[in-house]
């Protein structure tokens, strides 16, 4: 993909830009994650569903020592959002927009984002919430033309999940 785009600029080729002025989107991500977690908890309680913990939860909890824990947290909160946003919004969303237009592209990239998390079978219950988050991230990317707000929002979601692991 990079060779085809081949400008040599991550901003031009993938929309990778992180502007400090967009840091408010970090709190948008936290708020969206809180709202979705509450909604999912209410629905699961109503349906009597007790979902399994995702594998990433065990990875964070079982990380060896303080340094290992810090590395895992940095990967989950910083690296994963940047890589996933480059892939799902920088590459996939951009390609889908050229073929289908903005709204279908945002929905399809949100679905791909959610379904990609099924590499962990215990994530099946998280797919609807991940779809909503993927659509939010896609909307942020389309509305700005780059990944800055989507990355920050994604970081907020993942940061809240990590904090929840240490508090729970």
N, C-alpha and C. Protein backbone atom coordinates (compact mmCIF):
# COMPACT_ATOMS: atom_id res chain seq x y z
N UNK A 1 0.84 -1.19 0.00
CA UNK A 1 0.00 0.00 0.00
C UNK A 1 0.88 1.24 0.00
N UNK A 2 1.90 1.23 0.85
CA UNK A 2 2.80 2.37 0.94
C UNK A 2 3.53 2.64 -0.37
N UNK A 3 3.91 1.60 -1.07
CA UNK A 3 4.58 1.79 -2.34
C UNK A 3 3.65 2.40 -3.38
N UNK A 4 2.35 2.05 -3.30
CA UNK A 4 1.39 2.59 -4.24
C UNK A 4 1.13 4.07 -3.97
N UNK A 5 1.04 4.42 -2.69
CA UNK A 5 0.81 5.81 -2.31
C UNK A 5 2.11 6.60 -2.45
N UNK A 6 3.17 6.07 -1.89
CA UNK A 6 4.57 6.44 -2.08
C UNK A 6 4.94 7.91 -2.14
N UNK A 7 4.35 8.73 -1.31
CA UNK A 7 4.85 10.10 -1.25
C UNK A 7 5.99 10.19 -0.25
N UNK A 8 6.11 9.18 0.62
CA UNK A 8 7.14 9.19 1.65
C UNK A 8 6.70 9.92 2.91
N UNK A 9 5.49 10.42 2.93
CA UNK A 9 4.97 11.16 4.09
C UNK A 9 3.83 10.37 4.73
N UNK A 10 3.98 10.08 6.03
CA UNK A 10 2.91 9.38 6.74
C UNK A 10 1.65 10.22 6.80
N UNK A 11 1.81 11.53 6.82
CA UNK A 11 0.64 12.42 6.83
C UNK A 11 -0.09 12.36 5.50
N UNK A 12 0.64 12.44 4.42
CA UNK A 12 0.03 12.41 3.09
C UNK A 12 -0.52 11.03 2.76
N UNK A 13 0.26 10.00 3.03
CA UNK A 13 -0.13 8.65 2.62
C UNK A 13 -1.20 8.03 3.51
N UNK A 14 -1.15 8.31 4.82
CA UNK A 14 -2.04 7.63 5.77
C UNK A 14 -2.89 8.57 6.62
N UNK A 15 -2.71 9.86 6.48
CA UNK A 15 -3.45 10.80 7.31
C UNK A 15 -2.91 10.89 8.72
N UNK A 16 -1.70 10.36 8.96
CA UNK A 16 -1.15 10.36 10.30
C UNK A 16 -0.69 11.77 10.68
N UNK A 17 -1.45 12.32 11.57
CA UNK A 17 -1.11 13.64 12.12
C UNK A 17 -1.66 13.63 13.54
N UNK A 18 -0.86 14.09 14.48
CA UNK A 18 -1.31 14.21 15.86
C UNK A 18 -1.02 15.63 16.30
N UNK A 19 -2.10 16.39 16.48
CA UNK A 19 -1.98 17.79 16.90
C UNK A 19 -2.42 17.92 18.35
N UNK A 20 -1.62 18.63 19.14
CA UNK A 20 -1.95 18.80 20.56
C UNK A 20 -3.30 19.48 20.74
N UNK A 21 -3.67 20.35 19.84
CA UNK A 21 -4.96 21.06 19.96
C UNK A 21 -6.16 20.11 19.89
N UNK A 22 -5.95 18.89 19.41
CA UNK A 22 -7.03 17.90 19.32
C UNK A 22 -7.11 16.99 20.55
N UNK A 23 -6.34 17.31 21.58
CA UNK A 23 -6.30 16.43 22.76
C UNK A 23 -7.65 16.31 23.45
N UNK A 24 -8.54 17.25 23.20
CA UNK A 24 -9.89 17.15 23.78
C UNK A 24 -10.58 15.86 23.34
N UNK A 25 -10.20 15.32 22.19
CA UNK A 25 -10.80 14.08 21.70
C UNK A 25 -10.46 12.90 22.61
N UNK A 26 -9.38 13.01 23.38
CA UNK A 26 -9.06 11.99 24.36
C UNK A 26 -10.23 11.85 25.34
N UNK A 27 -10.78 12.98 25.76
CA UNK A 27 -11.90 12.97 26.71
C UNK A 27 -13.20 12.55 26.03
N UNK A 28 -13.32 12.81 24.75
CA UNK A 28 -14.46 12.31 23.98
C UNK A 28 -14.43 10.78 23.97
N UNK A 29 -13.26 10.22 23.77
CA UNK A 29 -13.11 8.76 23.78
C UNK A 29 -13.44 8.18 25.14
N UNK A 30 -12.98 8.82 26.20
CA UNK A 30 -13.29 8.35 27.55
C UNK A 30 -14.79 8.41 27.80
N UNK A 31 -15.41 9.52 27.42
CA UNK A 31 -16.86 9.67 27.61
C UNK A 31 -17.65 8.64 26.81
N UNK A 32 -17.24 8.43 25.57
CA UNK A 32 -17.93 7.44 24.72
C UNK A 32 -17.78 6.04 25.31
N UNK A 33 -16.59 5.72 25.79
CA UNK A 33 -16.36 4.40 26.38
C UNK A 33 -17.18 4.21 27.65
N UNK A 34 -17.27 5.26 28.47
CA UNK A 34 -18.07 5.18 29.69
C UNK A 34 -19.55 4.97 29.36
N UNK A 35 -20.05 5.75 28.41
CA UNK A 35 -21.46 5.63 28.02
C UNK A 35 -21.76 4.25 27.46
N UNK A 36 -20.88 3.74 26.60
CA UNK A 36 -21.09 2.41 26.02
C UNK A 36 -20.98 1.31 27.08
N UNK A 37 -20.03 1.47 28.00
CA UNK A 37 -19.87 0.46 29.06
C UNK A 37 -21.11 0.40 29.93
N UNK A 38 -21.67 1.56 30.24
CA UNK A 38 -22.89 1.59 31.05
C UNK A 38 -24.05 0.95 30.29
N UNK A 39 -24.20 1.31 29.03
CA UNK A 39 -25.27 0.75 28.21
C UNK A 39 -25.13 -0.77 28.09
N UNK A 40 -23.93 -1.23 27.79
CA UNK A 40 -23.69 -2.67 27.64
C UNK A 40 -23.94 -3.39 28.97
N UNK A 41 -23.49 -2.80 30.08
CA UNK A 41 -23.70 -3.43 31.39
C UNK A 41 -25.19 -3.58 31.69
N UNK A 42 -25.97 -2.56 31.39
CA UNK A 42 -27.41 -2.62 31.63
C UNK A 42 -28.04 -3.70 30.75
N UNK A 43 -27.68 -3.73 29.47
CA UNK A 43 -28.25 -4.72 28.55
C UNK A 43 -27.84 -6.14 28.96
N UNK A 44 -26.57 -6.34 29.29
CA UNK A 44 -26.11 -7.66 29.70
C UNK A 44 -26.78 -8.11 30.98
N UNK A 45 -26.94 -7.20 31.92
CA UNK A 45 -27.62 -7.54 33.17
C UNK A 45 -29.07 -7.94 32.88
N UNK A 46 -29.72 -7.20 32.03
CA UNK A 46 -31.12 -7.48 31.66
C UNK A 46 -31.25 -8.84 30.98
N UNK A 47 -30.26 -9.16 30.13
CA UNK A 47 -30.28 -10.43 29.41
C UNK A 47 -29.67 -11.59 30.21
N UNK A 48 -29.07 -11.28 31.35
CA UNK A 48 -28.44 -12.32 32.16
C UNK A 48 -27.14 -12.84 31.58
N UNK A 49 -26.44 -12.00 30.84
CA UNK A 49 -25.17 -12.40 30.20
C UNK A 49 -24.01 -11.99 31.11
N UNK A 50 -23.09 -12.92 31.32
CA UNK A 50 -21.88 -12.64 32.08
C UNK A 50 -20.69 -12.90 31.15
N UNK A 51 -20.24 -11.86 30.42
CA UNK A 51 -19.20 -12.08 29.41
C UNK A 51 -17.85 -12.44 30.04
N UNK A 52 -17.07 -13.20 29.28
CA UNK A 52 -15.72 -13.56 29.69
C UNK A 52 -14.80 -12.36 29.54
N UNK A 53 -13.74 -12.34 30.34
CA UNK A 53 -12.73 -11.28 30.18
C UNK A 53 -11.98 -11.52 28.88
N UNK A 54 -11.63 -10.42 28.21
CA UNK A 54 -10.87 -10.54 26.98
C UNK A 54 -9.42 -10.89 27.30
N UNK A 55 -8.75 -11.49 26.34
CA UNK A 55 -7.37 -11.90 26.51
C UNK A 55 -6.44 -10.75 26.85
N UNK A 56 -6.72 -9.57 26.33
CA UNK A 56 -5.85 -8.43 26.60
C UNK A 56 -5.89 -8.07 28.09
N UNK A 57 -7.00 -8.36 28.75
CA UNK A 57 -7.12 -8.11 30.20
C UNK A 57 -6.09 -8.97 30.93
N UNK A 58 -6.03 -10.24 30.56
CA UNK A 58 -5.05 -11.14 31.17
C UNK A 58 -3.63 -10.69 30.86
N UNK A 59 -3.39 -10.22 29.65
CA UNK A 59 -2.06 -9.75 29.25
C UNK A 59 -1.61 -8.61 30.15
N UNK A 60 -2.50 -7.65 30.39
CA UNK A 60 -2.15 -6.50 31.23
C UNK A 60 -1.95 -6.96 32.68
N UNK A 61 -2.87 -7.75 33.18
CA UNK A 61 -2.79 -8.19 34.58
C UNK A 61 -1.58 -9.09 34.84
N UNK A 62 -1.22 -9.91 33.85
CA UNK A 62 -0.13 -10.87 34.03
C UNK A 62 1.22 -10.35 33.55
N UNK A 63 1.30 -9.06 33.18
CA UNK A 63 2.56 -8.54 32.68
C UNK A 63 3.62 -8.63 33.78
N UNK A 64 4.81 -9.07 33.39
CA UNK A 64 5.85 -9.33 34.38
C UNK A 64 6.49 -8.05 34.93
N UNK A 65 6.30 -7.78 36.20
CA UNK A 65 6.96 -6.67 36.88
C UNK A 65 6.48 -5.31 36.45
N UNK A 66 7.08 -4.32 37.04
CA UNK A 66 6.70 -2.93 36.78
C UNK A 66 7.05 -2.52 35.35
N UNK A 67 8.25 -2.86 34.91
CA UNK A 67 8.68 -2.48 33.56
C UNK A 67 7.79 -3.16 32.52
N UNK A 68 7.51 -4.43 32.71
CA UNK A 68 6.62 -5.14 31.79
C UNK A 68 5.24 -4.52 31.76
N UNK A 69 4.74 -4.14 32.92
CA UNK A 69 3.43 -3.49 33.01
C UNK A 69 3.42 -2.16 32.28
N UNK A 70 4.49 -1.38 32.45
CA UNK A 70 4.57 -0.08 31.77
C UNK A 70 4.62 -0.27 30.26
N UNK A 71 5.37 -1.26 29.80
CA UNK A 71 5.47 -1.54 28.37
C UNK A 71 4.10 -1.93 27.81
N UNK A 72 3.41 -2.82 28.51
CA UNK A 72 2.09 -3.26 28.04
C UNK A 72 1.13 -2.08 28.00
N UNK A 73 1.13 -1.25 29.04
CA UNK A 73 0.25 -0.08 29.08
C UNK A 73 0.57 0.88 27.93
N UNK A 74 1.85 1.13 27.67
CA UNK A 74 2.22 2.01 26.56
C UNK A 74 1.78 1.44 25.21
N UNK A 75 1.92 0.14 25.06
CA UNK A 75 1.48 -0.49 23.80
C UNK A 75 -0.03 -0.35 23.65
N UNK A 76 -0.78 -0.64 24.71
CA UNK A 76 -2.24 -0.60 24.65
C UNK A 76 -2.76 0.82 24.48
N UNK A 77 -2.17 1.78 25.19
CA UNK A 77 -2.71 3.14 25.20
C UNK A 77 -2.14 4.02 24.10
N UNK A 78 -0.91 3.78 23.66
CA UNK A 78 -0.29 4.66 22.67
C UNK A 78 -0.09 3.97 21.32
N UNK A 79 0.62 2.86 21.31
CA UNK A 79 1.00 2.22 20.05
C UNK A 79 -0.22 1.64 19.32
N UNK A 80 -1.03 0.87 20.02
CA UNK A 80 -2.19 0.23 19.36
C UNK A 80 -3.13 1.26 18.72
N UNK A 81 -3.49 2.34 19.40
CA UNK A 81 -4.37 3.32 18.74
C UNK A 81 -3.75 3.93 17.48
N UNK A 82 -2.47 4.22 17.52
CA UNK A 82 -1.83 4.81 16.34
C UNK A 82 -1.83 3.80 15.18
N UNK A 83 -1.41 2.57 15.45
CA UNK A 83 -1.34 1.54 14.40
C UNK A 83 -2.73 1.21 13.88
N UNK A 84 -3.69 1.02 14.80
CA UNK A 84 -5.05 0.67 14.35
C UNK A 84 -5.70 1.80 13.57
N UNK A 85 -5.49 3.02 13.99
CA UNK A 85 -6.07 4.14 13.23
C UNK A 85 -5.42 4.29 11.86
N UNK A 86 -4.11 4.06 11.77
CA UNK A 86 -3.47 4.10 10.45
C UNK A 86 -4.05 3.02 9.54
N UNK A 87 -4.29 1.85 10.10
CA UNK A 87 -4.80 0.74 9.30
C UNK A 87 -6.28 0.93 8.95
N UNK A 88 -7.12 1.14 9.96
CA UNK A 88 -8.57 1.16 9.73
C UNK A 88 -9.09 2.48 9.18
N UNK A 89 -8.50 3.59 9.56
CA UNK A 89 -8.96 4.88 9.02
C UNK A 89 -8.00 5.41 7.96
N UNK A 90 -6.70 5.27 8.16
CA UNK A 90 -5.74 5.79 7.19
C UNK A 90 -5.70 5.03 5.89
N UNK A 91 -5.85 3.71 5.96
CA UNK A 91 -5.79 2.88 4.75
C UNK A 91 -7.19 2.43 4.33
N UNK A 92 -7.87 1.67 5.20
CA UNK A 92 -9.15 1.06 4.82
C UNK A 92 -10.22 2.11 4.56
N UNK A 93 -10.42 3.03 5.48
CA UNK A 93 -11.45 4.05 5.30
C UNK A 93 -11.20 4.88 4.04
N UNK A 94 -9.96 5.25 3.82
CA UNK A 94 -9.64 6.04 2.63
C UNK A 94 -9.98 5.26 1.35
N UNK A 95 -9.64 3.97 1.32
CA UNK A 95 -9.94 3.16 0.14
C UNK A 95 -11.45 2.98 -0.04
N UNK A 96 -12.15 2.75 1.06
CA UNK A 96 -13.61 2.58 0.98
C UNK A 96 -14.30 3.87 0.56
N UNK A 97 -13.79 5.01 1.00
CA UNK A 97 -14.39 6.29 0.62
C UNK A 97 -14.28 6.53 -0.89
N UNK A 98 -13.16 6.13 -1.47
CA UNK A 98 -13.00 6.29 -2.92
C UNK A 98 -14.02 5.45 -3.68
N UNK A 99 -14.42 4.34 -3.10
CA UNK A 99 -15.33 3.43 -3.79
C UNK A 99 -16.80 3.66 -3.44
N UNK A 100 -17.11 3.97 -2.17
CA UNK A 100 -18.50 4.02 -1.72
C UNK A 100 -18.98 5.36 -1.20
N UNK A 101 -18.09 6.30 -0.94
CA UNK A 101 -18.49 7.56 -0.32
C UNK A 101 -18.32 7.49 1.19
N UNK A 102 -18.52 8.62 1.86
CA UNK A 102 -18.19 8.75 3.28
C UNK A 102 -18.99 7.85 4.22
N UNK A 103 -20.31 7.95 4.18
CA UNK A 103 -21.12 7.23 5.17
C UNK A 103 -20.96 5.72 5.08
N UNK A 104 -21.11 5.10 3.91
CA UNK A 104 -20.89 3.65 3.85
C UNK A 104 -19.46 3.27 4.24
N UNK A 105 -18.50 4.10 3.89
CA UNK A 105 -17.10 3.80 4.22
C UNK A 105 -16.87 3.83 5.72
N UNK A 106 -17.46 4.81 6.40
CA UNK A 106 -17.32 4.89 7.86
C UNK A 106 -17.96 3.68 8.51
N UNK A 107 -19.14 3.28 8.04
CA UNK A 107 -19.82 2.11 8.60
C UNK A 107 -19.04 0.82 8.35
N UNK A 108 -18.55 0.66 7.14
CA UNK A 108 -17.80 -0.55 6.80
C UNK A 108 -16.47 -0.62 7.55
N UNK A 109 -15.77 0.50 7.66
CA UNK A 109 -14.50 0.48 8.40
C UNK A 109 -14.76 0.26 9.89
N UNK A 110 -15.88 0.78 10.41
CA UNK A 110 -16.26 0.52 11.80
C UNK A 110 -16.54 -0.96 12.02
N UNK A 111 -17.21 -1.58 11.07
CA UNK A 111 -17.49 -3.02 11.16
C UNK A 111 -16.20 -3.83 11.09
N UNK A 112 -15.31 -3.46 10.20
CA UNK A 112 -14.04 -4.17 10.08
C UNK A 112 -13.23 -4.03 11.37
N UNK A 113 -13.23 -2.84 11.94
CA UNK A 113 -12.53 -2.59 13.21
C UNK A 113 -13.09 -3.50 14.30
N UNK A 114 -14.40 -3.54 14.43
CA UNK A 114 -15.04 -4.36 15.47
C UNK A 114 -14.74 -5.84 15.25
N UNK A 115 -14.91 -6.30 14.02
CA UNK A 115 -14.71 -7.72 13.73
C UNK A 115 -13.25 -8.15 13.86
N UNK A 116 -12.33 -7.21 13.65
CA UNK A 116 -10.91 -7.56 13.77
C UNK A 116 -10.55 -7.94 15.20
N UNK A 117 -11.34 -7.50 16.16
CA UNK A 117 -11.07 -7.83 17.55
C UNK A 117 -11.52 -9.25 17.91
N UNK A 118 -12.13 -9.94 16.97
CA UNK A 118 -12.57 -11.31 17.21
C UNK A 118 -11.42 -12.31 17.15
N UNK A 119 -10.19 -11.83 16.96
CA UNK A 119 -9.05 -12.73 17.09
C UNK A 119 -9.01 -13.28 18.52
N UNK A 120 -9.66 -12.56 19.44
CA UNK A 120 -9.86 -13.02 20.81
C UNK A 120 -11.33 -13.46 20.90
N UNK A 121 -11.59 -14.77 20.99
CA UNK A 121 -12.98 -15.24 21.02
C UNK A 121 -13.81 -14.64 22.15
N UNK A 122 -13.16 -14.23 23.24
CA UNK A 122 -13.89 -13.64 24.36
C UNK A 122 -14.34 -12.21 24.07
N UNK A 123 -13.93 -11.66 22.94
CA UNK A 123 -14.31 -10.29 22.58
C UNK A 123 -15.65 -10.23 21.86
N UNK A 124 -16.30 -11.36 21.65
CA UNK A 124 -17.54 -11.39 20.88
C UNK A 124 -18.59 -10.45 21.47
N UNK A 125 -18.66 -10.34 22.78
CA UNK A 125 -19.65 -9.47 23.41
C UNK A 125 -19.31 -7.99 23.26
N UNK A 126 -18.06 -7.70 22.94
CA UNK A 126 -17.62 -6.31 22.79
C UNK A 126 -17.83 -5.79 21.37
N UNK A 127 -18.16 -6.66 20.43
CA UNK A 127 -18.25 -6.26 19.02
C UNK A 127 -19.23 -5.10 18.78
N UNK A 128 -20.45 -5.12 19.33
CA UNK A 128 -21.34 -3.97 19.07
C UNK A 128 -20.77 -2.64 19.56
N UNK A 129 -20.18 -2.63 20.75
CA UNK A 129 -19.58 -1.40 21.27
C UNK A 129 -18.37 -0.99 20.43
N UNK A 130 -17.58 -1.97 20.01
CA UNK A 130 -16.42 -1.67 19.16
C UNK A 130 -16.85 -1.11 17.81
N UNK A 131 -17.99 -1.58 17.31
CA UNK A 131 -18.52 -1.04 16.05
C UNK A 131 -18.87 0.43 16.23
N UNK A 132 -19.56 0.76 17.31
CA UNK A 132 -19.92 2.16 17.58
C UNK A 132 -18.67 3.02 17.70
N UNK A 133 -17.67 2.52 18.42
CA UNK A 133 -16.42 3.26 18.56
C UNK A 133 -15.72 3.41 17.21
N UNK A 134 -15.71 2.35 16.41
CA UNK A 134 -15.10 2.42 15.08
C UNK A 134 -15.78 3.45 14.20
N UNK A 135 -17.11 3.55 14.30
CA UNK A 135 -17.85 4.57 13.54
C UNK A 135 -17.49 5.96 14.05
N UNK A 136 -17.39 6.12 15.36
CA UNK A 136 -16.98 7.41 15.92
C UNK A 136 -15.60 7.80 15.43
N UNK A 137 -14.65 6.88 15.50
CA UNK A 137 -13.29 7.17 15.02
C UNK A 137 -13.29 7.51 13.53
N UNK A 138 -14.09 6.78 12.77
CA UNK A 138 -14.19 7.06 11.33
C UNK A 138 -14.77 8.44 11.06
N UNK A 139 -15.82 8.79 11.80
CA UNK A 139 -16.42 10.12 11.66
C UNK A 139 -15.39 11.20 11.97
N UNK A 140 -14.63 11.02 13.04
CA UNK A 140 -13.61 12.01 13.40
C UNK A 140 -12.57 12.14 12.30
N UNK A 141 -12.17 11.03 11.72
CA UNK A 141 -11.17 11.07 10.64
C UNK A 141 -11.72 11.75 9.40
N UNK A 142 -12.95 11.42 9.03
CA UNK A 142 -13.55 12.03 7.83
C UNK A 142 -13.78 13.53 8.04
N UNK A 143 -14.24 13.90 9.22
CA UNK A 143 -14.58 15.31 9.46
C UNK A 143 -13.35 16.22 9.48
N UNK A 144 -12.18 15.66 9.79
CA UNK A 144 -10.97 16.49 9.85
C UNK A 144 -10.02 16.24 8.68
N UNK A 145 -10.14 15.09 8.05
CA UNK A 145 -9.24 14.76 6.95
C UNK A 145 -7.92 14.18 7.41
N UNK A 146 -7.77 13.94 8.73
CA UNK A 146 -6.57 13.28 9.23
C UNK A 146 -6.94 12.44 10.45
N UNK A 147 -5.95 11.84 11.07
CA UNK A 147 -6.21 10.88 12.13
C UNK A 147 -6.03 11.43 13.54
N UNK A 148 -5.72 12.69 13.69
CA UNK A 148 -5.39 13.25 15.00
C UNK A 148 -6.49 13.00 16.03
N UNK A 149 -7.70 13.41 15.76
CA UNK A 149 -8.78 13.26 16.73
C UNK A 149 -9.16 11.79 16.93
N UNK A 150 -9.12 11.01 15.86
CA UNK A 150 -9.43 9.59 15.98
C UNK A 150 -8.40 8.89 16.87
N UNK A 151 -7.14 9.24 16.72
CA UNK A 151 -6.09 8.63 17.54
C UNK A 151 -6.29 9.00 19.00
N UNK A 152 -6.51 10.28 19.28
CA UNK A 152 -6.72 10.70 20.68
C UNK A 152 -7.95 10.02 21.28
N UNK A 153 -9.05 9.96 20.54
CA UNK A 153 -10.26 9.33 21.06
C UNK A 153 -10.00 7.85 21.35
N UNK A 154 -9.30 7.19 20.45
CA UNK A 154 -8.96 5.78 20.62
C UNK A 154 -8.06 5.61 21.85
N UNK A 155 -7.10 6.52 22.03
CA UNK A 155 -6.25 6.47 23.21
C UNK A 155 -7.08 6.62 24.48
N UNK A 156 -8.08 7.50 24.45
CA UNK A 156 -8.94 7.68 25.61
C UNK A 156 -9.70 6.41 25.96
N UNK A 157 -10.24 5.75 24.95
CA UNK A 157 -10.96 4.49 25.17
C UNK A 157 -10.03 3.46 25.80
N UNK A 158 -8.85 3.29 25.22
CA UNK A 158 -7.92 2.28 25.72
C UNK A 158 -7.38 2.65 27.11
N UNK A 159 -7.15 3.94 27.34
CA UNK A 159 -6.67 4.38 28.66
C UNK A 159 -7.70 4.09 29.73
N UNK A 160 -8.96 4.35 29.43
CA UNK A 160 -10.02 4.06 30.40
C UNK A 160 -10.06 2.56 30.71
N UNK A 161 -9.91 1.74 29.69
CA UNK A 161 -9.92 0.28 29.90
C UNK A 161 -8.76 -0.14 30.79
N UNK A 162 -7.60 0.44 30.58
CA UNK A 162 -6.42 0.09 31.40
C UNK A 162 -6.64 0.57 32.84
N UNK A 163 -7.14 1.76 33.04
CA UNK A 163 -7.41 2.27 34.39
C UNK A 163 -8.41 1.34 35.09
N UNK A 164 -9.43 0.94 34.36
CA UNK A 164 -10.45 0.04 34.92
C UNK A 164 -9.82 -1.28 35.40
N UNK A 165 -8.83 -1.77 34.67
CA UNK A 165 -8.17 -3.01 35.06
C UNK A 165 -7.46 -2.87 36.40
N UNK A 166 -6.85 -1.71 36.61
CA UNK A 166 -6.08 -1.52 37.83
C UNK A 166 -6.95 -1.15 39.02
N UNK A 167 -8.13 -0.60 38.75
CA UNK A 167 -9.04 -0.20 39.81
C UNK A 167 -9.91 -1.37 40.25
N UNK A 168 -10.31 -2.19 39.27
CA UNK A 168 -11.23 -3.31 39.56
C UNK A 168 -10.59 -4.42 40.34
